[in-house]
Amino acid sequence: MLTREALVARLHVRDEAEARAALEPFDLTRVMQKVRCPLLVIMGRQDRIVPPEEAERMASLAGGETDLWMFEDGNHVCNNIPYQYRPQQADWMQRHLQALV
């Protein structure tokens, strides 16, 4: 609830419906196909801000190698379970950065 209220306040709108409308222009659909570098999308299925389907859609639209990690018990940005994904995320980054050397 606090995150939603913060979003409304930071966007300088009256309510959640106006906040969602204000965010409509921020659509990555047209640019995702241009992403050619390895992409890791980490999403929590309990996110009350961004629907999990949006992460699935973004991953499917990416133009390069994409990994989607969906955590069933994760909330927005998986802030409630960093211990579950951060070590794996570091390993993923190490693998992909080593490939560049």
N, C-alpha and C. Protein backbone atom coordinates (compact mmCIF):
# COMPACT_ATOMS: atom_id res chain seq x y z
N MET A 1 0.82 -1.20 0.00
CA MET A 1 0.00 0.00 0.00
C MET A 1 0.86 1.26 0.00
N LEU A 2 1.92 1.27 0.80
CA LEU A 2 2.78 2.43 0.87
C LEU A 2 3.41 2.74 -0.48
N THR A 3 3.82 1.69 -1.21
CA THR A 3 4.44 1.91 -2.52
C THR A 3 3.45 2.55 -3.48
N ARG A 4 2.20 2.09 -3.46
CA ARG A 4 1.19 2.68 -4.34
C ARG A 4 0.95 4.14 -3.99
N GLU A 5 0.88 4.44 -2.70
CA GLU A 5 0.69 5.82 -2.27
C GLU A 5 1.87 6.69 -2.68
N ALA A 6 3.07 6.14 -2.57
CA ALA A 6 4.26 6.88 -2.97
C ALA A 6 4.24 7.16 -4.47
N LEU A 7 3.80 6.18 -5.26
CA LEU A 7 3.72 6.35 -6.70
C LEU A 7 2.75 7.48 -7.05
N VAL A 8 1.60 7.49 -6.41
CA VAL A 8 0.61 8.55 -6.63
C VAL A 8 1.20 9.91 -6.27
N ALA A 9 1.88 9.99 -5.14
CA ALA A 9 2.46 11.26 -4.70
C ALA A 9 3.57 11.72 -5.64
N ARG A 10 4.43 10.82 -6.05
CA ARG A 10 5.56 11.19 -6.89
C ARG A 10 5.15 11.58 -8.31
N LEU A 11 4.03 11.03 -8.76
CA LEU A 11 3.53 11.40 -10.08
C LEU A 11 2.65 12.65 -10.04
N HIS A 12 2.36 13.13 -8.83
CA HIS A 12 1.53 14.33 -8.63
C HIS A 12 0.14 14.15 -9.26
N VAL A 13 -0.46 12.99 -8.96
CA VAL A 13 -1.81 12.71 -9.44
C VAL A 13 -2.71 12.46 -8.23
N ARG A 14 -4.02 12.31 -8.47
CA ARG A 14 -4.97 12.18 -7.37
C ARG A 14 -5.15 10.78 -6.82
N ASP A 15 -5.00 9.77 -7.70
CA ASP A 15 -5.26 8.41 -7.22
C ASP A 15 -4.52 7.39 -8.08
N GLU A 16 -4.71 6.13 -7.73
CA GLU A 16 -4.01 5.05 -8.44
C GLU A 16 -4.42 4.97 -9.90
N ALA A 17 -5.69 5.20 -10.20
CA ALA A 17 -6.15 5.16 -11.60
C ALA A 17 -5.43 6.22 -12.44
N GLU A 18 -5.28 7.41 -11.89
CA GLU A 18 -4.56 8.46 -12.62
C GLU A 18 -3.08 8.11 -12.75
N ALA A 19 -2.54 7.47 -11.73
CA ALA A 19 -1.12 7.07 -11.79
C ALA A 19 -0.91 6.07 -12.92
N ARG A 20 -1.79 5.10 -13.03
CA ARG A 20 -1.68 4.11 -14.12
C ARG A 20 -1.81 4.79 -15.48
N ALA A 21 -2.72 5.73 -15.59
CA ALA A 21 -2.89 6.46 -16.86
C ALA A 21 -1.63 7.28 -17.17
N ALA A 22 -1.04 7.87 -16.16
CA ALA A 22 0.17 8.67 -16.37
C ALA A 22 1.35 7.82 -16.81
N LEU A 23 1.34 6.57 -16.44
CA LEU A 23 2.44 5.67 -16.80
C LEU A 23 2.25 4.97 -18.15
N GLU A 24 1.10 5.12 -18.76
CA GLU A 24 0.84 4.48 -20.06
C GLU A 24 1.91 4.77 -21.12
N PRO A 25 2.40 6.00 -21.22
CA PRO A 25 3.42 6.27 -22.26
C PRO A 25 4.74 5.53 -22.04
N PHE A 26 4.96 5.01 -20.85
CA PHE A 26 6.20 4.31 -20.55
C PHE A 26 6.08 2.85 -20.93
N ASP A 27 5.95 2.60 -22.20
CA ASP A 27 5.75 1.25 -22.74
C ASP A 27 7.01 0.86 -23.51
N LEU A 28 7.61 -0.26 -23.14
CA LEU A 28 8.86 -0.71 -23.77
C LEU A 28 8.64 -1.60 -24.99
N THR A 29 7.41 -1.81 -25.38
CA THR A 29 7.10 -2.74 -26.46
C THR A 29 7.93 -2.49 -27.71
N ARG A 30 8.00 -1.24 -28.14
CA ARG A 30 8.71 -0.94 -29.40
C ARG A 30 10.22 -1.01 -29.30
N VAL A 31 10.76 -0.91 -28.09
CA VAL A 31 12.22 -0.92 -27.96
C VAL A 31 12.79 -2.27 -27.52
N MET A 32 11.97 -3.15 -27.01
CA MET A 32 12.49 -4.42 -26.50
C MET A 32 13.17 -5.25 -27.60
N GLN A 33 12.69 -5.19 -28.80
CA GLN A 33 13.30 -5.97 -29.89
C GLN A 33 14.71 -5.48 -30.20
N LYS A 34 15.04 -4.26 -29.78
CA LYS A 34 16.38 -3.71 -30.02
C LYS A 34 17.40 -4.20 -28.98
N VAL A 35 16.92 -4.82 -27.91
CA VAL A 35 17.82 -5.31 -26.86
C VAL A 35 18.52 -6.56 -27.41
N ARG A 36 19.82 -6.46 -27.60
CA ARG A 36 20.60 -7.56 -28.17
C ARG A 36 21.54 -8.21 -27.15
N CYS A 37 21.81 -7.51 -26.07
CA CYS A 37 22.70 -8.08 -25.05
C CYS A 37 21.90 -9.06 -24.19
N PRO A 38 22.59 -9.95 -23.47
CA PRO A 38 21.87 -10.86 -22.57
C PRO A 38 21.03 -10.05 -21.58
N LEU A 39 19.83 -10.52 -21.36
CA LEU A 39 18.89 -9.82 -20.50
C LEU A 39 18.38 -10.77 -19.42
N LEU A 40 18.43 -10.31 -18.18
CA LEU A 40 17.89 -11.08 -17.06
C LEU A 40 16.73 -10.29 -16.49
N VAL A 41 15.55 -10.90 -16.48
CA VAL A 41 14.36 -10.28 -15.91
C VAL A 41 14.01 -11.05 -14.65
N ILE A 42 13.99 -10.35 -13.52
CA ILE A 42 13.66 -10.95 -12.24
C ILE A 42 12.33 -10.36 -11.79
N MET A 43 11.38 -11.24 -11.46
CA MET A 43 10.03 -10.77 -11.15
C MET A 43 9.44 -11.57 -10.00
N GLY A 44 8.66 -10.90 -9.18
CA GLY A 44 7.92 -11.57 -8.11
C GLY A 44 6.46 -11.70 -8.49
N ARG A 45 5.93 -12.88 -8.34
CA ARG A 45 4.53 -13.10 -8.69
C ARG A 45 3.55 -12.39 -7.75
N GLN A 46 4.04 -11.94 -6.59
CA GLN A 46 3.19 -11.23 -5.63
C GLN A 46 3.30 -9.71 -5.78
N ASP A 47 3.90 -9.25 -6.87
CA ASP A 47 4.05 -7.82 -7.13
C ASP A 47 2.67 -7.21 -7.30
N ARG A 48 2.37 -6.19 -6.49
CA ARG A 48 1.06 -5.53 -6.58
C ARG A 48 1.13 -4.26 -7.41
N ILE A 49 2.32 -3.94 -7.92
CA ILE A 49 2.50 -2.73 -8.73
C ILE A 49 2.52 -3.09 -10.21
N VAL A 50 3.39 -4.03 -10.57
CA VAL A 50 3.54 -4.45 -11.96
C VAL A 50 3.04 -5.89 -12.08
N PRO A 51 2.08 -6.15 -12.93
CA PRO A 51 1.59 -7.52 -13.10
C PRO A 51 2.70 -8.44 -13.63
N PRO A 52 2.81 -9.66 -13.09
CA PRO A 52 3.84 -10.60 -13.55
C PRO A 52 3.79 -10.85 -15.06
N GLU A 53 2.62 -10.75 -15.63
CA GLU A 53 2.48 -10.96 -17.07
C GLU A 53 3.30 -9.94 -17.88
N GLU A 54 3.52 -8.77 -17.29
CA GLU A 54 4.31 -7.76 -17.98
C GLU A 54 5.77 -8.18 -18.10
N ALA A 55 6.29 -8.84 -17.08
CA ALA A 55 7.67 -9.36 -17.15
C ALA A 55 7.76 -10.46 -18.19
N GLU A 56 6.75 -11.31 -18.23
CA GLU A 56 6.72 -12.38 -19.23
C GLU A 56 6.66 -11.79 -20.64
N ARG A 57 5.85 -10.76 -20.80
CA ARG A 57 5.72 -10.10 -22.11
C ARG A 57 7.03 -9.43 -22.51
N MET A 58 7.65 -8.73 -21.57
CA MET A 58 8.91 -8.06 -21.86
C MET A 58 9.98 -9.07 -22.27
N ALA A 59 10.08 -10.18 -21.56
CA ALA A 59 11.07 -11.19 -21.88
C ALA A 59 10.81 -11.79 -23.26
N SER A 60 9.55 -11.97 -23.60
CA SER A 60 9.23 -12.57 -24.90
C SER A 60 9.52 -11.62 -26.06
N LEU A 61 9.52 -10.32 -25.81
CA LEU A 61 9.74 -9.33 -26.86
C LEU A 61 11.21 -9.00 -27.08
N ALA A 62 12.06 -9.36 -26.14
CA ALA A 62 13.48 -9.00 -26.24
C ALA A 62 14.10 -9.65 -27.47
N GLY A 63 15.02 -8.93 -28.09
CA GLY A 63 15.64 -9.40 -29.33
C GLY A 63 16.83 -10.31 -29.14
N GLY A 64 17.30 -10.47 -27.94
CA GLY A 64 18.48 -11.31 -27.70
C GLY A 64 18.19 -12.40 -26.68
N GLU A 65 19.27 -12.97 -26.18
CA GLU A 65 19.17 -14.03 -25.17
C GLU A 65 18.52 -13.46 -23.91
N THR A 66 17.48 -14.11 -23.43
CA THR A 66 16.74 -13.61 -22.28
C THR A 66 16.45 -14.72 -21.30
N ASP A 67 16.68 -14.44 -20.03
CA ASP A 67 16.30 -15.34 -18.95
C ASP A 67 15.26 -14.64 -18.10
N LEU A 68 14.17 -15.34 -17.80
CA LEU A 68 13.12 -14.80 -16.94
C LEU A 68 13.07 -15.67 -15.69
N TRP A 69 13.30 -15.04 -14.55
CA TRP A 69 13.20 -15.73 -13.27
C TRP A 69 11.97 -15.20 -12.54
N MET A 70 10.98 -16.04 -12.37
CA MET A 70 9.75 -15.65 -11.70
C MET A 70 9.74 -16.31 -10.32
N PHE A 71 9.73 -15.49 -9.29
CA PHE A 71 9.72 -15.98 -7.91
C PHE A 71 8.29 -15.91 -7.38
N GLU A 72 7.74 -17.06 -7.04
CA GLU A 72 6.34 -17.16 -6.60
C GLU A 72 6.04 -16.29 -5.39
N ASP A 73 6.98 -16.20 -4.44
CA ASP A 73 6.72 -15.46 -3.21
C ASP A 73 7.32 -14.06 -3.22
N GLY A 74 7.84 -13.62 -4.35
CA GLY A 74 8.46 -12.29 -4.43
C GLY A 74 7.44 -11.19 -4.61
N ASN A 75 7.73 -10.05 -3.96
CA ASN A 75 6.86 -8.88 -4.13
C ASN A 75 7.51 -7.94 -5.16
N HIS A 76 7.18 -6.66 -5.13
CA HIS A 76 7.71 -5.72 -6.11
C HIS A 76 9.23 -5.68 -6.03
N VAL A 77 9.87 -5.89 -7.15
CA VAL A 77 11.32 -5.95 -7.28
C VAL A 77 11.92 -7.04 -6.39
N CYS A 78 11.10 -7.96 -5.95
CA CYS A 78 11.53 -9.05 -5.05
C CYS A 78 12.27 -8.52 -3.84
N ASN A 79 11.88 -7.35 -3.37
CA ASN A 79 12.55 -6.74 -2.21
C ASN A 79 12.40 -7.57 -0.94
N ASN A 80 11.41 -8.43 -0.88
CA ASN A 80 11.22 -9.23 0.31
C ASN A 80 12.05 -10.51 0.32
N ILE A 81 12.72 -10.84 -0.80
CA ILE A 81 13.49 -12.09 -0.86
C ILE A 81 14.84 -11.90 -1.55
N PRO A 82 15.60 -10.86 -1.21
CA PRO A 82 16.87 -10.64 -1.91
C PRO A 82 17.84 -11.81 -1.75
N TYR A 83 17.76 -12.50 -0.64
CA TYR A 83 18.65 -13.64 -0.39
C TYR A 83 18.39 -14.79 -1.36
N GLN A 84 17.22 -14.81 -1.98
CA GLN A 84 16.90 -15.89 -2.90
C GLN A 84 17.46 -15.64 -4.31
N TYR A 85 17.47 -14.40 -4.74
CA TYR A 85 17.88 -14.17 -6.13
C TYR A 85 19.25 -13.51 -6.28
N ARG A 86 19.71 -12.75 -5.32
CA ARG A 86 20.96 -12.00 -5.51
C ARG A 86 22.18 -12.88 -5.74
N PRO A 87 22.37 -13.95 -4.99
CA PRO A 87 23.54 -14.81 -5.30
C PRO A 87 23.46 -15.40 -6.71
N GLN A 88 22.27 -15.84 -7.11
CA GLN A 88 22.07 -16.38 -8.46
C GLN A 88 22.28 -15.29 -9.51
N GLN A 89 21.82 -14.09 -9.21
CA GLN A 89 21.98 -12.96 -10.13
C GLN A 89 23.46 -12.65 -10.32
N ALA A 90 24.23 -12.68 -9.25
CA ALA A 90 25.67 -12.43 -9.34
C ALA A 90 26.35 -13.50 -10.20
N ASP A 91 25.95 -14.75 -10.03
CA ASP A 91 26.51 -15.83 -10.85
C ASP A 91 26.15 -15.64 -12.32
N TRP A 92 24.91 -15.25 -12.59
CA TRP A 92 24.46 -15.01 -13.97
C TRP A 92 25.31 -13.91 -14.60
N MET A 93 25.52 -12.82 -13.84
CA MET A 93 26.30 -11.71 -14.36
C MET A 93 27.76 -12.12 -14.61
N GLN A 94 28.31 -12.90 -13.70
CA GLN A 94 29.69 -13.35 -13.88
C GLN A 94 29.83 -14.18 -15.15
N ARG A 95 28.90 -15.10 -15.37
CA ARG A 95 28.95 -15.92 -16.59
C ARG A 95 28.88 -15.07 -17.84
N HIS A 96 27.99 -14.11 -17.86
CA HIS A 96 27.82 -13.31 -19.06
C HIS A 96 28.94 -12.29 -19.26
N LEU A 97 29.49 -11.78 -18.19
CA LEU A 97 30.61 -10.86 -18.32
C LEU A 97 31.88 -11.59 -18.73
N GLN A 98 32.08 -12.81 -18.25
CA GLN A 98 33.25 -13.60 -18.66
C GLN A 98 33.20 -13.90 -20.15
N ALA A 99 32.01 -14.07 -20.68
CA ALA A 99 31.87 -14.35 -22.10
C ALA A 99 32.34 -13.19 -22.96
N LEU A 100 32.39 -12.00 -22.40
CA LEU A 100 32.81 -10.81 -23.15
C LEU A 100 34.32 -10.66 -23.20
N VAL A 101 35.03 -11.35 -22.32
CA VAL A 101 36.49 -11.17 -22.24
C VAL A 101 37.21 -12.11 -23.19
